[in-house]
PDB file of N, CA and C in Angstrom:
ATOM      1  N   MET A   1       7.946 -38.783 -11.004  1.00  0.00           N
ATOM      2  CA  MET A   1       8.696 -38.324 -12.270  1.00  0.00           C
ATOM      3  C   MET A   1       7.805 -37.374 -13.176  1.00  0.00           C
ATOM      4  N   HIS A   2       6.541 -37.477 -13.434  1.00  0.00           N
ATOM      5  CA  HIS A   2       6.155 -36.781 -14.277  1.00  0.00           C
ATOM      6  C   HIS A   2       5.585 -35.345 -13.569  1.00  0.00           C
ATOM      7  N   LYS A   3       6.022 -35.246 -12.334  1.00  0.00           N
ATOM      8  CA  LYS A   3       5.941 -33.946 -11.720  1.00  0.00           C
ATOM      9  C   LYS A   3       7.598 -33.103 -12.199  1.00  0.00           C
ATOM     10  N   ASP A   4       8.608 -33.530 -12.546  1.00  0.00           N
ATOM     11  CA  ASP A   4       9.391 -33.281 -12.886  1.00  0.00           C
ATOM     12  C   ASP A   4       9.846 -32.699 -14.146  1.00  0.00           C
ATOM     13  N   THR A   5       8.753 -32.957 -14.877  1.00  0.00           N
ATOM     14  CA  THR A   5       8.812 -32.594 -16.389  1.00  0.00           C
ATOM     15  C   THR A   5       7.446 -31.533 -16.410  1.00  0.00           C
ATOM     16  N   CYS A   6       6.601 -32.066 -15.874  1.00  0.00           N
ATOM     17  CA  CYS A   6       5.108 -30.930 -15.995  1.00  0.00           C
ATOM     18  C   CYS A   6       5.616 -29.466 -15.611  1.00  0.00           C
ATOM     19  N   THR A   7       6.356 -29.679 -13.946  1.00  0.00           N
ATOM     20  CA  THR A   7       6.126 -28.489 -13.615  1.00  0.00           C
ATOM     21  C   THR A   7       6.625 -26.948 -14.227  1.00  0.00           C
ATOM     22  N   PRO A   8       7.850 -27.381 -14.973  1.00  0.00           N
ATOM     23  CA  PRO A   8       8.899 -26.302 -15.687  1.00  0.00           C
ATOM     24  C   PRO A   8       7.602 -25.985 -16.622  1.00  0.00           C
ATOM     25  N   MET A   9       6.990 -26.992 -17.885  1.00  0.00           N
ATOM     26  CA  MET A   9       6.491 -26.713 -19.091  1.00  0.00           C
ATOM     27  C   MET A   9       5.291 -26.612 -18.309  1.00  0.00           C
ATOM     28  N   PHE A  10       4.379 -26.108 -17.808  1.00  0.00           N
ATOM     29  CA  PHE A  10       3.577 -25.929 -16.835  1.00  0.00           C
ATOM     30  C   PHE A  10       3.769 -24.215 -16.803  1.00  0.00           C
ATOM     31  N   THR A  11       4.661 -23.691 -15.956  1.00  0.00           N
ATOM     32  CA  THR A  11       5.360 -22.813 -15.760  1.00  0.00           C
ATOM     33  C   THR A  11       5.670 -21.968 -17.045  1.00  0.00           C
ATOM     34  N   ALA A  12       6.588 -22.243 -17.846  1.00  0.00           N
ATOM     35  CA  ALA A  12       6.816 -21.794 -19.138  1.00  0.00           C
ATOM     36  C   ALA A  12       5.275 -21.473 -19.950  1.00  0.00           C
ATOM     37  N   ALA A  13       3.994 -21.959 -20.167  1.00  0.00           N
ATOM     38  CA  ALA A  13       3.114 -21.984 -20.639  1.00  0.00           C
ATOM     39  C   ALA A  13       2.263 -20.840 -19.938  1.00  0.00           C
ATOM     40  N   LEU A  14       2.533 -20.594 -18.535  1.00  0.00           N
ATOM     41  CA  LEU A  14       2.010 -19.785 -17.833  1.00  0.00           C
ATOM     42  C   LEU A  14       2.204 -18.163 -17.966  1.00  0.00           C
ATOM     43  N   PHE A  15       3.684 -17.879 -18.000  1.00  0.00           N
ATOM     44  CA  PHE A  15       4.251 -16.770 -18.398  1.00  0.00           C
ATOM     45  C   PHE A  15       3.930 -16.437 -19.932  1.00  0.00           C
ATOM     46  N   THR A  16       3.949 -17.735 -21.088  1.00  0.00           N
ATOM     47  CA  THR A  16       3.639 -17.350 -22.469  1.00  0.00           C
ATOM     48  C   THR A  16       2.224 -16.538 -22.293  1.00  0.00           C
ATOM     49  N   ILE A  17       1.215 -17.388 -21.493  1.00  0.00           N
ATOM     50  CA  ILE A  17      -0.026 -16.957 -21.730  1.00  0.00           C
ATOM     51  C   ILE A  17      -0.080 -15.183 -20.779  1.00  0.00           C
ATOM     52  N   ALA A  18       0.420 -15.438 -19.687  1.00  0.00           N
ATOM     53  CA  ALA A  18       0.002 -13.767 -18.860  1.00  0.00           C
ATOM     54  C   ALA A  18       0.612 -12.613 -19.390  1.00  0.00           C
ATOM     55  N   LYS A  19       1.693 -12.790 -20.471  1.00  0.00           N
ATOM     56  CA  LYS A  19       2.442 -11.668 -21.724  1.00  0.00           C
ATOM     57  C   LYS A  19       1.323 -11.325 -22.378  1.00  0.00           C
ATOM     58  N   THR A  20       0.221 -11.904 -22.794  1.00  0.00           N
ATOM     59  CA  THR A  20      -0.537 -11.556 -23.657  1.00  0.00           C
ATOM     60  C   THR A  20      -1.942 -11.320 -23.254  1.00  0.00           C
ATOM     61  N   TRP A  21      -2.106 -11.046 -21.932  1.00  0.00           N
ATOM     62  CA  TRP A  21      -2.941 -10.554 -21.303  1.00  0.00           C
ATOM     63  C   TRP A  21      -2.871  -9.268 -21.360  1.00  0.00           C
ATOM     64  N   LYS A  22      -4.419  -8.503 -21.083  1.00  0.00           N
ATOM     65  CA  LYS A  22      -4.319  -6.887 -20.916  1.00  0.00           C
ATOM     66  C   LYS A  22      -3.718  -6.757 -18.971  1.00  0.00           C
ATOM     67  N   GLN A  23      -2.958  -6.058 -19.252  1.00  0.00           N
ATOM     68  CA  GLN A  23      -2.264  -5.600 -17.972  1.00  0.00           C
ATOM     69  C   GLN A  23      -3.680  -4.367 -17.515  1.00  0.00           C
ATOM     70  N   PRO A  24      -3.975  -4.677 -16.181  1.00  0.00           N
ATOM     71  CA  PRO A  24      -5.213  -3.898 -15.577  1.00  0.00           C
ATOM     72  C   PRO A  24      -4.129  -2.521 -15.151  1.00  0.00           C
ATOM     73  N   ARG A  25      -5.005  -1.273 -15.459  1.00  0.00           N
ATOM     74  CA  ARG A  25      -3.747  -0.187 -15.397  1.00  0.00           C
ATOM     75  C   ARG A  25      -4.628   1.229 -14.619  1.00  0.00           C
ATOM     76  N   CYS A  26      -4.152   1.600 -14.001  1.00  0.00           N
ATOM     77  CA  CYS A  26      -4.564   2.759 -13.397  1.00  0.00           C
ATOM     78  C   CYS A  26      -4.823   4.152 -14.305  1.00  0.00           C
ATOM     79  N   PRO A  27      -6.218   4.587 -14.128  1.00  0.00           N
ATOM     80  CA  PRO A  27      -6.653   5.361 -14.906  1.00  0.00           C
ATOM     81  C   PRO A  27      -5.591   6.837 -14.855  1.00  0.00           C
ATOM     82  N   SER A  28      -5.137   7.332 -15.779  1.00  0.00           N
ATOM     83  CA  SER A  28      -4.516   8.667 -15.264  1.00  0.00           C
ATOM     84  C   SER A  28      -5.189   9.376 -14.246  1.00  0.00           C
ATOM     85  N   ARG A  29      -4.155  10.524 -13.913  1.00  0.00           N
ATOM     86  CA  ARG A  29      -5.152  11.733 -12.875  1.00  0.00           C
ATOM     87  C   ARG A  29      -5.710  11.971 -13.698  1.00  0.00           C
ATOM     88  N   VAL A  30      -5.438  12.592 -14.953  1.00  0.00           N
ATOM     89  CA  VAL A  30      -6.813  13.469 -15.363  1.00  0.00           C
ATOM     90  C   VAL A  30      -7.749  12.929 -16.388  1.00  0.00           C
ATOM     91  N   LYS A  31      -7.685  11.558 -16.779  1.00  0.00           N
ATOM     92  CA  LYS A  31      -8.589  10.920 -16.795  1.00  0.00           C
ATOM     93  C   LYS A  31      -9.934  10.749 -15.882  1.00  0.00           C
ATOM     94  N   TRP A  32      -9.231  10.307 -14.282  1.00  0.00           N
ATOM     95  CA  TRP A  32      -9.795  10.381 -13.152  1.00  0.00           C
ATOM     96  C   TRP A  32     -10.554  11.868 -12.560  1.00  0.00           C
ATOM     97  N   ILE A  33     -10.087  12.780 -12.849  1.00  0.00           N
ATOM     98  CA  ILE A  33     -10.437  14.445 -12.762  1.00  0.00           C
ATOM     99  C   ILE A  33     -11.708  14.171 -13.391  1.00  0.00           C
ATOM    100  N   ARG A  34     -11.200  13.751 -14.785  1.00  0.00           N
ATOM    101  CA  ARG A  34     -12.398  14.133 -15.642  1.00  0.00           C
ATOM    102  C   ARG A  34     -13.798  13.288 -15.538  1.00  0.00           C
ATOM    103  N   GLU A  35     -13.362  12.078 -15.151  1.00  0.00           N
ATOM    104  CA  GLU A  35     -14.893  11.171 -14.404  1.00  0.00           C
ATOM    105  C   GLU A  35     -15.303  11.632 -13.109  1.00  0.00           C
ATOM    106  N   MET A  36     -14.292  12.100 -12.292  1.00  0.00           N
ATOM    107  CA  MET A  36     -15.257  12.627 -11.000  1.00  0.00           C
ATOM    108  C   MET A  36     -16.091  13.969 -11.520  1.00  0.00           C
ATOM    109  N   TRP A  37     -15.653  14.741 -12.025  1.00  0.00           N
ATOM    110  CA  TRP A  37     -15.767  15.935 -12.546  1.00  0.00           C
ATOM    111  C   TRP A  37     -17.538  16.042 -13.580  1.00  0.00           C
ATOM    112  N   TYR A  38     -17.262  14.545 -14.175  1.00  0.00           N
ATOM    113  CA  TYR A  38     -18.526  14.142 -14.729  1.00  0.00           C
ATOM    114  C   TYR A  38     -19.638  13.730 -13.725  1.00  0.00           C
ATOM    115  N   ILE A  39     -19.107  12.824 -12.756  1.00  0.00           N
ATOM    116  CA  ILE A  39     -20.726  12.415 -12.015  1.00  0.00           C
ATOM    117  C   ILE A  39     -20.923  13.348 -11.197  1.00  0.00           C
ATOM    118  N   TYR A  40     -20.132  14.103 -10.675  1.00  0.00           N
ATOM    119  CA  TYR A  40     -20.207  15.730  -9.583  1.00  0.00           C
ATOM    120  C   TYR A  40     -21.177  16.292 -10.542  1.00  0.00           C
ATOM    121  N   THR A  41     -21.147  16.657 -11.789  1.00  0.00           N
ATOM    122  CA  THR A  41     -22.080  17.716 -12.515  1.00  0.00           C
ATOM    123  C   THR A  41     -23.336  16.787 -12.717  1.00  0.00           C
ATOM    124  N   MET A  42     -23.233  15.542 -13.021  1.00  0.00           N
ATOM    125  CA  MET A  42     -24.405  14.994 -13.317  1.00  0.00           C
ATOM    126  C   MET A  42     -25.520  14.804 -12.068  1.00  0.00           C
ATOM    127  N   GLU A  43     -24.938  15.136 -10.958  1.00  0.00           N
ATOM    128  CA  GLU A  43     -25.131  14.705  -9.571  1.00  0.00           C
ATOM    129  C   GLU A  43     -25.844  16.143  -9.026  1.00  0.00           C
ATOM    130  N   TYR A  44     -25.230  17.594  -9.545  1.00  0.00           N
ATOM    131  CA  TYR A  44     -25.280  18.639  -9.564  1.00  0.00           C
ATOM    132  C   TYR A  44     -26.499  18.894 -10.142  1.00  0.00           C
ATOM    133  N   TYR A  45     -26.881  18.190 -11.492  1.00  0.00           N
ATOM    134  CA  TYR A  45     -27.966  18.554 -12.172  1.00  0.00           C
ATOM    135  C   TYR A  45     -29.516  18.114 -11.987  1.00  0.00           C
ATOM    136  N   LEU A  46     -28.984  16.886 -11.761  1.00  0.00           N
ATOM    137  CA  LEU A  46     -29.901  15.840 -10.737  1.00  0.00           C
ATOM    138  C   LEU A  46     -30.746  16.733  -9.670  1.00  0.00           C
ATOM    139  N   ALA A  47     -29.937  17.167  -8.938  1.00  0.00           N
ATOM    140  CA  ALA A  47     -30.299  17.808  -7.496  1.00  0.00           C
ATOM    141  C   ALA A  47     -31.174  18.687  -8.077  1.00  0.00           C
ATOM    142  N   ILE A  48     -30.316  19.932  -9.058  1.00  0.00           N
ATOM    143  CA  ILE A  48     -31.436  20.917  -9.618  1.00  0.00           C
ATOM    144  C   ILE A  48     -32.821  20.984  -9.882  1.00  0.00           C
ATOM    145  N   LYS A  49     -32.376  19.567 -10.676  1.00  0.00           N
ATOM    146  CA  LYS A  49     -34.281  19.509 -11.131  1.00  0.00           C
ATOM    147  C   LYS A  49     -34.820  19.121 -10.100  1.00  0.00           C
ATOM    148  N   LYS A  50     -34.313  18.192  -8.948  1.00  0.00           N
ATOM    149  CA  LYS A  50     -35.496  17.738  -7.870  1.00  0.00           C
ATOM    150  C   LYS A  50     -35.743  18.920  -6.742  1.00  0.00           C
ATOM    151  N   ASP A  51     -34.976  19.927  -7.358  1.00  0.00           N
ATOM    152  CA  ASP A  51     -35.232  20.804  -6.026  1.00  0.00           C
ATOM    153  C   ASP A  51     -34.430  20.510  -4.834  1.00  0.00           C
ATOM    154  N   GLU A  52     -33.487  19.484  -4.908  1.00  0.00           N
ATOM    155  CA  GLU A  52     -32.292  19.213  -3.513  1.00  0.00           C
ATOM    156  C   GLU A  52     -31.332  19.749  -3.468  1.00  0.00           C
ATOM    157  N   ILE A  53     -31.058  20.776  -4.110  1.00  0.00           N
ATOM    158  CA  ILE A  53     -29.564  21.736  -4.207  1.00  0.00           C
ATOM    159  C   ILE A  53     -28.480  21.821  -3.275  1.00  0.00           C
ATOM    160  N   LEU A  54     -29.136  21.995  -1.658  1.00  0.00           N
ATOM    161  CA  LEU A  54     -28.764  22.071  -0.742  1.00  0.00           C
ATOM    162  C   LEU A  54     -28.139  21.105  -0.390  1.00  0.00           C
ATOM    163  N   PRO A  55     -27.839  19.514  -0.740  1.00  0.00           N
ATOM    164  CA  PRO A  55     -27.194  18.513  -0.087  1.00  0.00           C
ATOM    165  C   PRO A  55     -25.807  18.091  -1.032  1.00  0.00           C
ATOM    166  N   PHE A  56     -25.768  19.206  -1.959  1.00  0.00           N
ATOM    167  CA  PHE A  56     -24.999  18.763  -3.071  1.00  0.00           C
ATOM    168  C   PHE A  56     -23.948  19.861  -3.234  1.00  0.00           C
ATOM    169  N   VAL A  57     -24.525  21.145  -2.874  1.00  0.00           N
ATOM    170  CA  VAL A  57     -23.470  22.335  -2.728  1.00  0.00           C
ATOM    171  C   VAL A  57     -22.275  21.970  -1.910  1.00  0.00           C
ATOM    172  N   THR A  58     -22.206  22.060  -0.513  1.00  0.00           N
ATOM    173  CA  THR A  58     -20.718  20.846  -0.554  1.00  0.00           C
ATOM    174  C   THR A  58     -19.955  20.082  -1.246  1.00  0.00           C
ATOM    175  N   THR A  59     -20.415  19.740  -2.060  1.00  0.00           N
ATOM    176  CA  THR A  59     -19.739  18.367  -2.342  1.00  0.00           C
ATOM    177  C   THR A  59     -19.064  19.423  -3.873  1.00  0.00           C
ATOM    178  N   TRP A  60     -20.018  20.041  -5.155  1.00  0.00           N
ATOM    179  CA  TRP A  60     -19.509  20.597  -5.936  1.00  0.00           C
ATOM    180  C   TRP A  60     -18.462  21.579  -5.933  1.00  0.00           C
ATOM    181  N   MET A  61     -18.702  21.963  -4.494  1.00  0.00           N
ATOM    182  CA  MET A  61     -17.597  23.240  -4.388  1.00  0.00           C
ATOM    183  C   MET A  61     -16.240  22.438  -3.850  1.00  0.00           C
ATOM    184  N   ASP A  62     -16.934  21.503  -3.336  1.00  0.00           N
ATOM    185  CA  ASP A  62     -15.190  20.140  -2.965  1.00  0.00           C
ATOM    186  C   ASP A  62     -14.309  19.834  -3.853  1.00  0.00           C
ATOM    187  N   CYS A  63     -15.457  19.194  -4.849  1.00  0.00           N
ATOM    188  CA  CYS A  63     -14.945  19.038  -6.195  1.00  0.00           C
ATOM    189  C   CYS A  63     -13.883  20.096  -7.486  1.00  0.00           C
ATOM    190  N   GLU A  64     -14.660  21.086  -7.026  1.00  0.00           N
ATOM    191  CA  GLU A  64     -14.442  22.525  -8.261  1.00  0.00           C
ATOM    192  C   GLU A  64     -12.958  22.901  -7.655  1.00  0.00           C
ATOM    193  N   ASP A  65     -13.012  22.981  -5.838  1.00  0.00           N
ATOM    194  CA  ASP A  65     -11.978  23.613  -5.511  1.00  0.00           C
ATOM    195  C   ASP A  65     -10.870  22.417  -5.758  1.00  0.00           C
ATOM    196  N   THR A  66     -11.269  21.114  -5.806  1.00  0.00           N
ATOM    197  CA  THR A  66      -9.859  20.411  -6.348  1.00  0.00           C
ATOM    198  C   THR A  66      -9.321  20.154  -7.720  1.00  0.00           C
ATOM    199  N   MET A  67     -10.739  20.453  -8.530  1.00  0.00           N
ATOM    200  CA  MET A  67     -10.259  20.751  -9.767  1.00  0.00           C
ATOM    201  C   MET A  67      -9.285  22.060 -10.049  1.00  0.00           C
ATOM    202  N   LEU A  68      -9.671  23.093  -9.730  1.00  0.00           N
ATOM    203  CA  LEU A  68      -8.850  24.317  -9.958  1.00  0.00           C
ATOM    204  C   LEU A  68      -7.714  23.887  -9.383  1.00  0.00           C
ATOM    205  N   ASN A  69      -7.003  23.265  -8.025  1.00  0.00           N
ATOM    206  CA  ASN A  69      -5.683  22.679  -7.138  1.00  0.00           C
ATOM    207  C   ASN A  69      -5.111  22.292  -8.411  1.00  0.00           C
ATOM    208  N   GLU A  70      -5.896  21.148  -8.738  1.00  0.00           N
ATOM    209  CA  GLU A  70      -4.974  20.172  -9.610  1.00  0.00           C
ATOM    210  C   GLU A  70      -4.787  20.954 -11.055  1.00  0.00           C
ATOM    211  N   ILE A  71      -5.337  21.323 -11.721  1.00  0.00           N
ATOM    212  CA  ILE A  71      -5.167  22.399 -12.656  1.00  0.00           C
ATOM    213  C   ILE A  71      -3.919  23.293 -12.518  1.00  0.00           C
ATOM    214  N   SER A  72      -4.253  23.850 -11.690  1.00  0.00           N
ATOM    215  CA  SER A  72      -3.087  25.084 -11.643  1.00  0.00           C
ATOM    216  C   SER A  72      -1.653  24.585 -11.074  1.00  0.00           C
ATOM    217  N   GLN A  73      -1.846  23.292 -10.096  1.00  0.00           N
ATOM    218  CA  GLN A  73      -0.742  22.519 -10.043  1.00  0.00           C
ATOM    219  C   GLN A  73      -0.050  21.873 -11.054  1.00  0.00           C
ATOM    220  N   THR A  74      -0.652  21.933 -12.373  1.00  0.00           N
ATOM    221  CA  THR A  74      -0.522  20.904 -13.430  1.00  0.00           C
ATOM    222  C   THR A  74       0.431  22.275 -13.854  1.00  0.00           C
ATOM    223  N   GLU A  75      -0.333  23.322 -14.147  1.00  0.00           N
ATOM    224  CA  GLU A  75      -0.033  24.401 -15.065  1.00  0.00           C
ATOM    225  C   GLU A  75       1.524  25.381 -14.616  1.00  0.00           C
ATOM    226  N   THR A  76       1.519  25.200 -13.257  1.00  0.00           N
ATOM    227  CA  THR A  76       3.162  25.683 -12.893  1.00  0.00           C
ATOM    228  C   THR A  76       3.991  24.643 -12.997  1.00  0.00           C
ATOM    229  N   VAL A  77       3.795  23.451 -13.212  1.00  0.00           N
ATOM    230  CA  VAL A  77       4.680  22.244 -13.634  1.00  0.00           C
ATOM    231  C   VAL A  77       5.459  22.521 -14.985  1.00  0.00           C
ATOM    232  N   LYS A  78       4.050  22.874 -16.016  1.00  0.00           N
ATOM    233  CA  LYS A  78       4.373  22.775 -16.890  1.00  0.00           C
ATOM    234  C   LYS A  78       5.025  24.303 -17.340  1.00  0.00           C
ATOM    235  N   TYR A  79       4.697  24.896 -16.745  1.00  0.00           N
ATOM    236  CA  TYR A  79       5.486  26.452 -16.914  1.00  0.00           C
ATOM    237  C   TYR A  79       6.764  26.401 -15.960  1.00  0.00           C
ATOM    238  N   CYS A  80       7.358  25.569 -15.617  1.00  0.00           N
ATOM    239  CA  CYS A  80       8.864  25.332 -14.599  1.00  0.00           C
ATOM    240  C   CYS A  80       9.268  25.062 -15.603  1.00  0.00           C
ATOM    241  N   MET A  81       8.954  23.229 -16.535  1.00  0.00           N
ATOM    242  CA  MET A  81       9.920  22.575 -17.390  1.00  0.00           C
ATOM    243  C   MET A  81       9.973  23.516 -18.172  1.00  0.00           C
ATOM    244  N   ILE A  82       9.008  24.285 -18.467  1.00  0.00           N
ATOM    245  CA  ILE A  82       9.215  25.081 -19.968  1.00  0.00           C
ATOM    246  C   ILE A  82      10.232  25.631 -19.872  1.00  0.00           C
ATOM    247  N   SER A  83      10.486  27.006 -18.506  1.00  0.00           N
ATOM    248  CA  SER A  83      11.352  27.488 -18.146  1.00  0.00           C
ATOM    249  C   SER A  83      12.733  26.773 -17.897  1.00  0.00           C
ATOM    250  N   LEU A  84      12.666  25.504 -17.402  1.00  0.00           N
ATOM    251  CA  LEU A  84      14.208  24.657 -17.466  1.00  0.00           C
ATOM    252  C   LEU A  84      14.634  24.318 -18.629  1.00  0.00           C
ATOM    253  N   ILE A  85      13.263  23.949 -20.116  1.00  0.00           N
ATOM    254  CA  ILE A  85      14.304  23.576 -21.118  1.00  0.00           C
ATOM    255  C   ILE A  85      14.540  24.821 -22.174  1.00  0.00           C
ATOM    256  N   SER A  86      13.781  25.840 -21.758  1.00  0.00           N
ATOM    257  CA  SER A  86      14.336  27.119 -22.677  1.00  0.00           C
ATOM    258  C   SER A  86      15.882  27.668 -22.026  1.00  0.00           C
ATOM    259  N   ARG A  87      16.092  27.931 -21.081  1.00  0.00           N
ATOM    260  CA  ARG A  87      17.432  28.119 -20.256  1.00  0.00           C
ATOM    261  C   ARG A  87      18.239  27.828 -21.140  1.00  0.00           C
ATOM    262  N   ARG A  88      18.928  26.476 -21.465  1.00  0.00           N
ATOM    263  CA  ARG A  88      19.703  25.763 -22.166  1.00  0.00           C
ATOM    264  C   ARG A  88      19.720  26.552 -23.558  1.00  0.00           C
TER     265      ARG A  88
END
């Protein structure tokens, strides 16, 4: 008997509580790139301080290439959107 009454009330309470929780969000691509850039920059400078530059050179170069690629793709998209908007 109590099962029939409690289950819907519990479900309703659970949905009410779940709405107020902060939902986890994936970081935006720009934020993720900035964080990665910061991490690699710190690794690079720490390696320079310790004279261990060689292991980090390839990682740094890969990160730099990725950053430039992401930025150029973003700029290309912005340029295309502006061209499409301005044609109207």
